Amino acid sequence: MSLNWFYLGGSRIVMPMSLEEYQIAQRYMVMKMQQQSTTSSEGVEVLENRPFEDDVFGKGQYTSKVYHLQSKVPAWLTTFAPADALVMQEEAWNAYPKCKTVIKCPYFPRFCLTVETIHKADNGHLENVHGLSKNLLVARQVETLDILSASRDYWSYAVGTNNVDLTEFRSLRTGRGPLLDGWQDNCCPVMTAYKLVTIDAPYWGFGYRLEQALLAGERALFLESHRNSFAWIDDWFGTTMEQVRELERQSDAFLNKVIILQINTNSK
């Protein structure tokens, strides 16, 4: 592992909801954003979505996905690999309130992006929720993301942007909102997603650039997904876990049908 291409960062995202509500909101958001990013030409293929149990996480939900999102690949990266080779493979272990996601690209076998998340019922002031050593704490770069902000860079375009203004938004079903400056210190209920991001891209010549691009992409995704989780509160509020799982099963079947049709069409 070369430190020149290794990044360790922490992102904290405070949310105006309870831990129990966020579990539903997160799964609903992932399902809906996958649907939005899947078209007749590219999208998300769900290989597995099943319960798991192991000695590390205990019980939870395991998913394996392939992201066919070649149109969102930065143009400079296609000088190192053909766009159709830049598919991303994702494995995720959701043992809420702890989760781990690992993303790899078969074309660059030494590349790995890992996101470890711990969710807490607080407003984002815990300094070492992941239990890092002193050396790793020194190396870690921490950023607190405010869902009031909205990126306007390349990656926000690639991820997609919800135009809801949360400084004016009010939930009809819960009465929450609008969110004003400093809302994190005066919000009830409240919880925080503490994310530990590790990127290893040991490639001479473009490893650092790849690392920075992925870091910017993850930041945009964290911000947009959490903005959506709150902006869609009237859609998911009151939904049970069993209902969300059934929606996921229907969504997975739909996404895979679209992707298979796409693959069959391209092979002709």
C-alpha atoms as a PDB file:
ATOM      1  CA  MET A   1       0.000   0.000   0.000  1.00  0.00           C
ATOM      2  CA  SER A   2       1.495   3.308  -1.059  1.00  0.00           C
ATOM      3  CA  LEU A   3       0.537   6.346   0.982  1.00  0.00           C
ATOM      4  CA  ASN A   4       0.707   8.376  -2.232  1.00  0.00           C
ATOM      5  CA  TRP A   5      -2.508   6.711  -3.369  1.00  0.00           C
ATOM      6  CA  PHE A   6      -4.177   5.936  -0.048  1.00  0.00           C
ATOM      7  CA  TYR A   7      -6.867   8.146   1.464  1.00  0.00           C
ATOM      8  CA  LEU A   8      -8.621   7.917   4.830  1.00  0.00           C
ATOM      9  CA  GLY A   9     -11.475  10.317   5.469  1.00  0.00           C
ATOM     10  CA  GLY A  10     -14.472  10.760   7.696  1.00  0.00           C
ATOM     11  CA  SER A  11     -17.811  12.257   6.674  1.00  0.00           C
ATOM     12  CA  ARG A  12     -20.507  13.145   9.160  1.00  0.00           C
ATOM     13  CA  ILE A  13     -24.059  13.728   7.980  1.00  0.00           C
ATOM     14  CA  VAL A  14     -26.606  14.899  10.565  1.00  0.00           C
ATOM     15  CA  MET A  15     -30.247  14.060   9.786  1.00  0.00           C
ATOM     16  CA  PRO A  16     -33.548  15.394  11.220  1.00  0.00           C
ATOM     17  CA  MET A  17     -34.988  11.977  12.042  1.00  0.00           C
ATOM     18  CA  SER A  18     -34.630   9.139  14.523  1.00  0.00           C
ATOM     19  CA  LEU A  19     -32.346   6.125  14.119  1.00  0.00           C
ATOM     20  CA  GLU A  20     -35.375   3.915  13.467  1.00  0.00           C
ATOM     21  CA  GLU A  21     -36.744   6.279  10.837  1.00  0.00           C
ATOM     22  CA  TYR A  22     -33.392   6.578   9.083  1.00  0.00           C
ATOM     23  CA  GLN A  23     -33.195   2.810   8.574  1.00  0.00           C
ATOM     24  CA  ILE A  24     -36.400   2.967   6.536  1.00  0.00           C
ATOM     25  CA  ALA A  25     -35.441   6.234   4.831  1.00  0.00           C
ATOM     26  CA  GLN A  26     -32.063   4.886   3.735  1.00  0.00           C
ATOM     27  CA  ARG A  27     -33.421   1.736   2.108  1.00  0.00           C
ATOM     28  CA  TYR A  28     -36.239   3.629   0.406  1.00  0.00           C
ATOM     29  CA  MET A  29     -33.781   6.238  -0.881  1.00  0.00           C
ATOM     30  CA  VAL A  30     -31.348   3.644  -2.268  1.00  0.00           C
ATOM     31  CA  MET A  31     -34.176   1.870  -4.066  1.00  0.00           C
ATOM     32  CA  LYS A  32     -35.581   5.060  -5.602  1.00  0.00           C
ATOM     33  CA  MET A  33     -32.198   6.482  -6.654  1.00  0.00           C
ATOM     34  CA  GLN A  34     -31.309   3.175  -8.322  1.00  0.00           C
ATOM     35  CA  GLN A  35     -34.545   3.373 -10.291  1.00  0.00           C
ATOM     36  CA  GLN A  36     -33.790   6.934 -11.335  1.00  0.00           C
ATOM     37  CA  SER A  37     -30.288   6.037 -12.566  1.00  0.00           C
ATOM     38  CA  THR A  38     -31.401   2.977 -14.554  1.00  0.00           C
ATOM     39  CA  THR A  39     -32.401   3.565 -18.162  1.00  0.00           C
ATOM     40  CA  SER A  40     -32.554   1.568 -21.391  1.00  0.00           C
ATOM     41  CA  SER A  41     -28.816   2.130 -21.877  1.00  0.00           C
ATOM     42  CA  GLU A  42     -27.297   1.762 -18.378  1.00  0.00           C
ATOM     43  CA  GLY A  43     -28.081   1.324 -14.721  1.00  0.00           C
ATOM     44  CA  VAL A  44     -27.865  -0.925 -11.661  1.00  0.00           C
ATOM     45  CA  GLU A  45     -27.905  -4.723 -11.780  1.00  0.00           C
ATOM     46  CA  VAL A  46     -28.788  -6.413  -8.472  1.00  0.00           C
ATOM     47  CA  LEU A  47     -27.030  -9.788  -8.245  1.00  0.00           C
ATOM     48  CA  GLU A  48     -27.955 -10.642  -4.655  1.00  0.00           C
ATOM     49  CA  ASN A  49     -30.143  -9.178  -1.936  1.00  0.00           C
ATOM     50  CA  ARG A  50     -30.432 -11.577   0.996  1.00  0.00           C
ATOM     51  CA  PRO A  51     -30.188 -11.832   4.779  1.00  0.00           C
ATOM     52  CA  PHE A  52     -26.775 -12.713   6.212  1.00  0.00           C
ATOM     53  CA  GLU A  53     -25.231 -13.557   9.565  1.00  0.00           C
ATOM     54  CA  ASP A  54     -21.533 -13.652  10.454  1.00  0.00           C
ATOM     55  CA  ASP A  55     -19.131 -13.135  13.339  1.00  0.00           C
ATOM     56  CA  VAL A  56     -18.185  -9.588  12.293  1.00  0.00           C
ATOM     57  CA  PHE A  57     -21.533  -7.834  11.851  1.00  0.00           C
ATOM     58  CA  GLY A  58     -24.027 -10.263  13.332  1.00  0.00           C
ATOM     59  CA  LYS A  59     -27.294 -10.276  11.382  1.00  0.00           C
ATOM     60  CA  GLY A  60     -28.166  -8.002   8.482  1.00  0.00           C
ATOM     61  CA  GLN A  61     -28.843  -7.713   4.755  1.00  0.00           C
ATOM     62  CA  TYR A  62     -26.179  -8.493   2.146  1.00  0.00           C
ATOM     63  CA  THR A  63     -26.337  -7.021  -1.367  1.00  0.00           C
ATOM     64  CA  SER A  64     -24.158  -7.488  -4.428  1.00  0.00           C
ATOM     65  CA  LYS A  65     -24.604  -5.085  -7.345  1.00  0.00           C
ATOM     66  CA  VAL A  66     -22.986  -4.097 -10.620  1.00  0.00           C
ATOM     67  CA  TYR A  67     -23.154  -0.459 -11.723  1.00  0.00           C
ATOM     68  CA  HIS A  68     -23.264   0.027 -15.503  1.00  0.00           C
ATOM     69  CA  LEU A  69     -22.906   3.814 -15.510  1.00  0.00           C
ATOM     70  CA  GLN A  70     -20.365   4.370 -18.261  1.00  0.00           C
ATOM     71  CA  SER A  71     -21.802   7.699 -19.415  1.00  0.00           C
ATOM     72  CA  LYS A  72     -20.923   9.169 -16.018  1.00  0.00           C
ATOM     73  CA  VAL A  73     -17.228   8.252 -16.270  1.00  0.00           C
ATOM     74  CA  PRO A  74     -14.991  11.374 -16.488  1.00  0.00           C
ATOM     75  CA  ALA A  75     -13.578  11.809 -19.971  1.00  0.00           C
ATOM     76  CA  TRP A  76      -9.962  11.831 -18.722  1.00  0.00           C
ATOM     77  CA  LEU A  77     -10.355   8.323 -17.279  1.00  0.00           C
ATOM     78  CA  THR A  78     -11.261   6.875 -20.679  1.00  0.00           C
ATOM     79  CA  THR A  79      -7.678   7.580 -21.786  1.00  0.00           C
ATOM     80  CA  PHE A  80      -6.627   4.773 -19.410  1.00  0.00           C
ATOM     81  CA  ALA A  81      -9.493   2.342 -20.056  1.00  0.00           C
ATOM     82  CA  PRO A  82     -12.442   1.955 -22.457  1.00  0.00           C
ATOM     83  CA  ALA A  83     -15.677   3.314 -21.010  1.00  0.00           C
ATOM     84  CA  ASP A  84     -17.488  -0.030 -21.340  1.00  0.00           C
ATOM     85  CA  ALA A  85     -14.854  -1.628 -19.095  1.00  0.00           C
ATOM     86  CA  LEU A  86     -15.453   0.825 -16.253  1.00  0.00           C
ATOM     87  CA  VAL A  87     -18.253  -1.012 -14.506  1.00  0.00           C
ATOM     88  CA  MET A  88     -18.217  -0.993 -10.713  1.00  0.00           C
ATOM     89  CA  GLN A  89     -18.897  -3.974  -8.488  1.00  0.00           C
ATOM     90  CA  GLU A  90     -20.358  -3.301  -5.042  1.00  0.00           C
ATOM     91  CA  GLU A  91     -20.764  -5.536  -2.031  1.00  0.00           C
ATOM     92  CA  ALA A  92     -22.586  -4.222   1.034  1.00  0.00           C
ATOM     93  CA  TRP A  93     -23.266  -5.589   4.495  1.00  0.00           C
ATOM     94  CA  ASN A  94     -26.111  -3.651   6.129  1.00  0.00           C
ATOM     95  CA  ALA A  95     -26.248  -4.667   9.783  1.00  0.00           C
ATOM     96  CA  TYR A  96     -27.883  -1.436  10.884  1.00  0.00           C
ATOM     97  CA  PRO A  97     -26.796   0.633  12.752  1.00  0.00           C
ATOM     98  CA  LYS A  98     -23.455  -0.571  11.311  1.00  0.00           C
ATOM     99  CA  CYS A  99     -22.873  -0.911   7.571  1.00  0.00           C
ATOM    100  CA  LYS A 100     -19.956  -1.622   5.258  1.00  0.00           C
ATOM    101  CA  THR A 101     -19.699  -1.135   1.492  1.00  0.00           C
ATOM    102  CA  VAL A 102     -16.813  -2.245  -0.726  1.00  0.00           C
ATOM    103  CA  ILE A 103     -16.559  -1.058  -4.343  1.00  0.00           C
ATOM    104  CA  LYS A 104     -14.145  -2.472  -6.900  1.00  0.00           C
ATOM    105  CA  CYS A 105     -13.516  -2.168 -10.627  1.00  0.00           C
ATOM    106  CA  PRO A 106     -12.410  -5.394 -12.375  1.00  0.00           C
ATOM    107  CA  TYR A 107     -10.453  -3.407 -14.968  1.00  0.00           C
ATOM    108  CA  PHE A 108      -8.281  -1.971 -12.150  1.00  0.00           C
ATOM    109  CA  PRO A 109      -7.971  -4.984  -9.819  1.00  0.00           C
ATOM    110  CA  ARG A 110      -5.814  -3.220  -7.206  1.00  0.00           C
ATOM    111  CA  PHE A 111      -8.320  -0.411  -6.745  1.00  0.00           C
ATOM    112  CA  CYS A 112     -10.642  -0.551  -3.723  1.00  0.00           C
ATOM    113  CA  LEU A 113     -13.046   1.929  -2.122  1.00  0.00           C
ATOM    114  CA  THR A 114     -14.484   1.063   1.288  1.00  0.00           C
ATOM    115  CA  VAL A 115     -17.149   2.951   3.240  1.00  0.00           C
ATOM    116  CA  GLU A 116     -17.827   1.938   6.841  1.00  0.00           C
ATOM    117  CA  THR A 117     -20.799   3.643   8.495  1.00  0.00           C
ATOM    118  CA  ILE A 118     -21.949   3.808  12.091  1.00  0.00           C
ATOM    119  CA  HIS A 119     -25.243   5.543  12.877  1.00  0.00           C
ATOM    120  CA  LYS A 120     -25.757   7.274  16.212  1.00  0.00           C
ATOM    121  CA  ALA A 121     -28.618   9.182  17.847  1.00  0.00           C
ATOM    122  CA  ASP A 122     -26.648  12.426  18.213  1.00  0.00           C
ATOM    123  CA  ASN A 123     -25.813  15.578  16.269  1.00  0.00           C
ATOM    124  CA  GLY A 124     -22.369  14.677  14.984  1.00  0.00           C
ATOM    125  CA  HIS A 125     -19.905  15.479  17.779  1.00  0.00           C
ATOM    126  CA  LEU A 126     -18.385  12.036  18.474  1.00  0.00           C
ATOM    127  CA  GLU A 127     -14.693  12.152  17.545  1.00  0.00           C
ATOM    128  CA  ASN A 128     -13.726   8.482  17.253  1.00  0.00           C
ATOM    129  CA  VAL A 129     -16.867   6.440  16.762  1.00  0.00           C
ATOM    130  CA  HIS A 130     -14.952   3.946  14.572  1.00  0.00           C
ATOM    131  CA  GLY A 131     -12.329   3.253  17.248  1.00  0.00           C
ATOM    132  CA  LEU A 132      -9.304   4.241  15.150  1.00  0.00           C
ATOM    133  CA  SER A 133      -5.741   4.111  16.443  1.00  0.00           C
ATOM    134  CA  LYS A 134      -3.884   7.346  17.194  1.00  0.00           C
ATOM    135  CA  ASN A 135      -1.906   7.084  13.945  1.00  0.00           C
ATOM    136  CA  LEU A 136      -5.048   6.650  11.852  1.00  0.00           C
ATOM    137  CA  LEU A 137      -6.782   9.496  13.676  1.00  0.00           C
ATOM    138  CA  VAL A 138      -3.907  11.780  12.678  1.00  0.00           C
ATOM    139  CA  ALA A 139      -4.167  10.635   9.052  1.00  0.00           C
ATOM    140  CA  ARG A 140      -7.963  10.891   8.888  1.00  0.00           C
ATOM    141  CA  GLN A 141      -9.523  13.953   7.249  1.00  0.00           C
ATOM    142  CA  VAL A 142     -12.951  14.818   8.683  1.00  0.00           C
ATOM    143  CA  GLU A 143     -15.703  16.738   6.910  1.00  0.00           C
ATOM    144  CA  THR A 144     -19.201  17.507   8.166  1.00  0.00           C
ATOM    145  CA  LEU A 145     -21.730  17.618   5.334  1.00  0.00           C
ATOM    146  CA  ASP A 146     -24.810  19.816   5.747  1.00  0.00           C
ATOM    147  CA  ILE A 147     -27.831  18.627   3.753  1.00  0.00           C
ATOM    148  CA  LEU A 148     -28.806  22.273   3.326  1.00  0.00           C
ATOM    149  CA  SER A 149     -25.921  22.650   0.866  1.00  0.00           C
ATOM    150  CA  ALA A 150     -26.092  21.378  -2.705  1.00  0.00           C
ATOM    151  CA  SER A 151     -23.049  20.752  -4.884  1.00  0.00           C
ATOM    152  CA  ARG A 152     -22.919  22.210  -8.376  1.00  0.00           C
ATOM    153  CA  ASP A 153     -19.899  20.390  -9.761  1.00  0.00           C
ATOM    154  CA  TYR A 154     -19.416  17.594 -12.287  1.00  0.00           C
ATOM    155  CA  TRP A 155     -20.243  14.892  -9.774  1.00  0.00           C
ATOM    156  CA  SER A 156     -23.477  16.494  -8.625  1.00  0.00           C
ATOM    157  CA  TYR A 157     -24.535  16.415 -12.264  1.00  0.00           C
ATOM    158  CA  ALA A 158     -23.450  12.773 -12.597  1.00  0.00           C
ATOM    159  CA  VAL A 159     -25.214  11.703  -9.384  1.00  0.00           C
ATOM    160  CA  GLY A 160     -28.302  13.811 -10.078  1.00  0.00           C
ATOM    161  CA  THR A 161     -29.644  16.771  -8.178  1.00  0.00           C
ATOM    162  CA  ASN A 162     -32.871  17.106  -6.223  1.00  0.00           C
ATOM    163  CA  ASN A 163     -33.956  20.720  -6.579  1.00  0.00           C
ATOM    164  CA  VAL A 164     -35.950  20.778  -3.326  1.00  0.00           C
ATOM    165  CA  ASP A 165     -34.908  23.769  -1.215  1.00  0.00           C
ATOM    166  CA  LEU A 166     -34.727  22.391   2.321  1.00  0.00           C
ATOM    167  CA  THR A 167     -34.737  25.914   3.765  1.00  0.00           C
ATOM    168  CA  GLU A 168     -38.332  26.138   2.518  1.00  0.00           C
ATOM    169  CA  PHE A 169     -39.429  22.504   2.594  1.00  0.00           C
ATOM    170  CA  ARG A 170     -41.916  21.330   5.226  1.00  0.00           C
ATOM    171  CA  SER A 171     -43.097  17.748   5.534  1.00  0.00           C
ATOM    172  CA  LEU A 172     -46.880  17.476   5.314  1.00  0.00           C
ATOM    173  CA  ARG A 173     -46.954  14.209   7.263  1.00  0.00           C
ATOM    174  CA  THR A 174     -44.526  15.069  10.083  1.00  0.00           C
ATOM    175  CA  GLY A 175     -44.455  18.882  10.150  1.00  0.00           C
ATOM    176  CA  ARG A 176     -40.636  18.834  10.077  1.00  0.00           C
ATOM    177  CA  GLY A 177     -38.811  21.614   8.327  1.00  0.00           C
ATOM    178  CA  PRO A 178     -37.913  24.023   7.028  1.00  0.00           C
ATOM    179  CA  LEU A 179     -34.247  23.594   7.991  1.00  0.00           C
ATOM    180  CA  LEU A 180     -32.438  26.827   8.796  1.00  0.00           C
ATOM    181  CA  ASP A 181     -28.767  27.553   9.507  1.00  0.00           C
ATOM    182  CA  GLY A 182     -27.665  25.800  12.694  1.00  0.00           C
ATOM    183  CA  TRP A 183     -30.600  23.384  12.600  1.00  0.00           C
ATOM    184  CA  GLN A 184     -28.364  20.482  13.752  1.00  0.00           C
ATOM    185  CA  ASP A 185     -28.092  21.976  17.256  1.00  0.00           C
ATOM    186  CA  ASN A 186     -31.828  22.538  17.671  1.00  0.00           C
ATOM    187  CA  CYS A 187     -33.362  19.496  16.013  1.00  0.00           C
ATOM    188  CA  CYS A 188     -35.398  16.695  17.599  1.00  0.00           C
ATOM    189  CA  PRO A 189     -35.340  13.898  16.615  1.00  0.00           C
ATOM    190  CA  VAL A 190     -31.784  13.876  15.282  1.00  0.00           C
ATOM    191  CA  MET A 191     -29.171  11.297  14.262  1.00  0.00           C
ATOM    192  CA  THR A 192     -25.815  11.170  12.486  1.00  0.00           C
ATOM    193  CA  ALA A 193     -24.301   8.882   9.866  1.00  0.00           C
ATOM    194  CA  TYR A 194     -20.568   8.636  10.632  1.00  0.00           C
ATOM    195  CA  LYS A 195     -18.806   7.431   7.483  1.00  0.00           C
ATOM    196  CA  LEU A 196     -15.211   6.261   7.283  1.00  0.00           C
ATOM    197  CA  VAL A 197     -13.995   6.312   3.670  1.00  0.00           C
ATOM    198  CA  THR A 198     -10.880   4.437   2.579  1.00  0.00           C
ATOM    199  CA  ILE A 199      -9.611   4.686  -0.999  1.00  0.00           C
ATOM    200  CA  ASP A 200      -6.672   2.670  -2.266  1.00  0.00           C
ATOM    201  CA  ALA A 201      -5.689   3.368  -5.878  1.00  0.00           C
ATOM    202  CA  PRO A 202      -2.041   2.234  -6.255  1.00  0.00           C
ATOM    203  CA  TYR A 203      -1.572   3.163  -9.918  1.00  0.00           C
ATOM    204  CA  TRP A 204       1.418   5.157 -11.044  1.00  0.00           C
ATOM    205  CA  GLY A 205       0.561   8.226 -13.089  1.00  0.00           C
ATOM    206  CA  PHE A 206      -3.124   8.542 -12.326  1.00  0.00           C
ATOM    207  CA  GLY A 207      -3.718   6.921  -8.914  1.00  0.00           C
ATOM    208  CA  TYR A 208      -3.949  10.229  -7.051  1.00  0.00           C
ATOM    209  CA  ARG A 209      -6.221  11.723  -9.691  1.00  0.00           C
ATOM    210  CA  LEU A 210      -8.461   8.668  -9.524  1.00  0.00           C
ATOM    211  CA  GLU A 211      -8.537   8.922  -5.735  1.00  0.00           C
ATOM    212  CA  GLN A 212      -9.575  12.582  -5.849  1.00  0.00           C
ATOM    213  CA  ALA A 213     -12.254  11.929  -8.460  1.00  0.00           C
ATOM    214  CA  LEU A 214     -13.749   9.109  -6.408  1.00  0.00           C
ATOM    215  CA  LEU A 215     -13.601  11.189  -3.250  1.00  0.00           C
ATOM    216  CA  ALA A 216     -15.509  13.995  -4.965  1.00  0.00           C
ATOM    217  CA  GLY A 217     -17.992  11.483  -6.326  1.00  0.00           C
ATOM    218  CA  GLU A 218     -18.609   9.932  -2.925  1.00  0.00           C
ATOM    219  CA  ARG A 219     -19.059  13.349  -1.348  1.00  0.00           C
ATOM    220  CA  ALA A 220     -21.675  14.297  -3.955  1.00  0.00           C
ATOM    221  CA  LEU A 221     -23.425  10.953  -3.476  1.00  0.00           C
ATOM    222  CA  PHE A 222     -23.451  11.267   0.327  1.00  0.00           C
ATOM    223  CA  LEU A 223     -24.894  14.756   0.100  1.00  0.00           C
ATOM    224  CA  GLU A 224     -27.539  14.036  -2.530  1.00  0.00           C
ATOM    225  CA  SER A 225     -28.672  10.729  -1.030  1.00  0.00           C
ATOM    226  CA  HIS A 226     -29.179  12.276   2.403  1.00  0.00           C
ATOM    227  CA  ARG A 227     -30.926  15.327   0.971  1.00  0.00           C
ATOM    228  CA  ASN A 228     -33.274  12.918  -0.798  1.00  0.00           C
ATOM    229  CA  SER A 229     -33.834  10.870   2.353  1.00  0.00           C
ATOM    230  CA  PHE A 230     -35.341  13.921   4.033  1.00  0.00           C
ATOM    231  CA  ALA A 231     -36.997  15.444   0.945  1.00  0.00           C
ATOM    232  CA  TRP A 232     -38.853  12.131   0.363  1.00  0.00           C
ATOM    233  CA  ILE A 233     -39.967  11.781   3.998  1.00  0.00           C
ATOM    234  CA  ASP A 234     -43.653  11.995   3.073  1.00  0.00           C
ATOM    235  CA  ASP A 235     -43.174   9.014   0.733  1.00  0.00           C
ATOM    236  CA  TRP A 236     -41.515   6.649   3.238  1.00  0.00           C
ATOM    237  CA  PHE A 237     -42.764   7.882   6.633  1.00  0.00           C
ATOM    238  CA  GLY A 238     -44.931   5.221   8.295  1.00  0.00           C
ATOM    239  CA  THR A 239     -43.638   2.443   6.043  1.00  0.00           C
ATOM    240  CA  THR A 240     -42.676  -0.779   7.837  1.00  0.00           C
ATOM    241  CA  MET A 241     -39.482  -2.756   7.220  1.00  0.00           C
ATOM    242  CA  GLU A 242     -41.544  -5.579   5.712  1.00  0.00           C
ATOM    243  CA  GLN A 243     -43.131  -3.147   3.257  1.00  0.00           C
ATOM    244  CA  VAL A 244     -39.733  -1.719   2.297  1.00  0.00           C
ATOM    245  CA  ARG A 245     -38.346  -5.202   1.673  1.00  0.00           C
ATOM    246  CA  GLU A 246     -41.266  -6.010  -0.622  1.00  0.00           C
ATOM    247  CA  LEU A 247     -40.698  -2.754  -2.522  1.00  0.00           C
ATOM    248  CA  GLU A 248     -37.005  -3.704  -2.836  1.00  0.00           C
ATOM    249  CA  ARG A 249     -37.880  -7.116  -4.269  1.00  0.00           C
ATOM    250  CA  GLN A 250     -40.152  -5.519  -6.864  1.00  0.00           C
ATOM    251  CA  SER A 251     -37.546  -2.876  -7.671  1.00  0.00           C
ATOM    252  CA  ASP A 252     -34.708  -5.433  -8.015  1.00  0.00           C
ATOM    253  CA  ALA A 253     -36.781  -7.468 -10.462  1.00  0.00           C
ATOM    254  CA  PHE A 254     -37.576  -4.359 -12.504  1.00  0.00           C
ATOM    255  CA  LEU A 255     -33.953  -3.149 -12.589  1.00  0.00           C
ATOM    256  CA  ASN A 256     -32.628  -6.538 -13.657  1.00  0.00           C
ATOM    257  CA  LYS A 257     -35.262  -6.813 -16.389  1.00  0.00           C
ATOM    258  CA  VAL A 258     -34.146  -3.460 -17.804  1.00  0.00           C
ATOM    259  CA  ILE A 259     -30.432  -4.375 -17.614  1.00  0.00           C
ATOM    260  CA  ILE A 260     -30.940  -7.814 -19.208  1.00  0.00           C
ATOM    261  CA  LEU A 261     -32.917  -6.229 -22.033  1.00  0.00           C
ATOM    262  CA  GLN A 262     -30.106  -3.720 -22.485  1.00  0.00           C
ATOM    263  CA  ILE A 263     -27.445  -6.464 -22.590  1.00  0.00           C
ATOM    264  CA  ASN A 264     -29.446  -8.557 -25.074  1.00  0.00           C
ATOM    265  CA  THR A 265     -29.986  -5.522 -27.288  1.00  0.00           C
ATOM    266  CA  ASN A 266     -26.290  -4.601 -27.289  1.00  0.00           C
ATOM    267  CA  SER A 267     -25.266  -8.181 -28.135  1.00  0.00           C
ATOM    268  CA  LYS A 268     -27.295  -8.243 -31.346  1.00  0.00           C
END
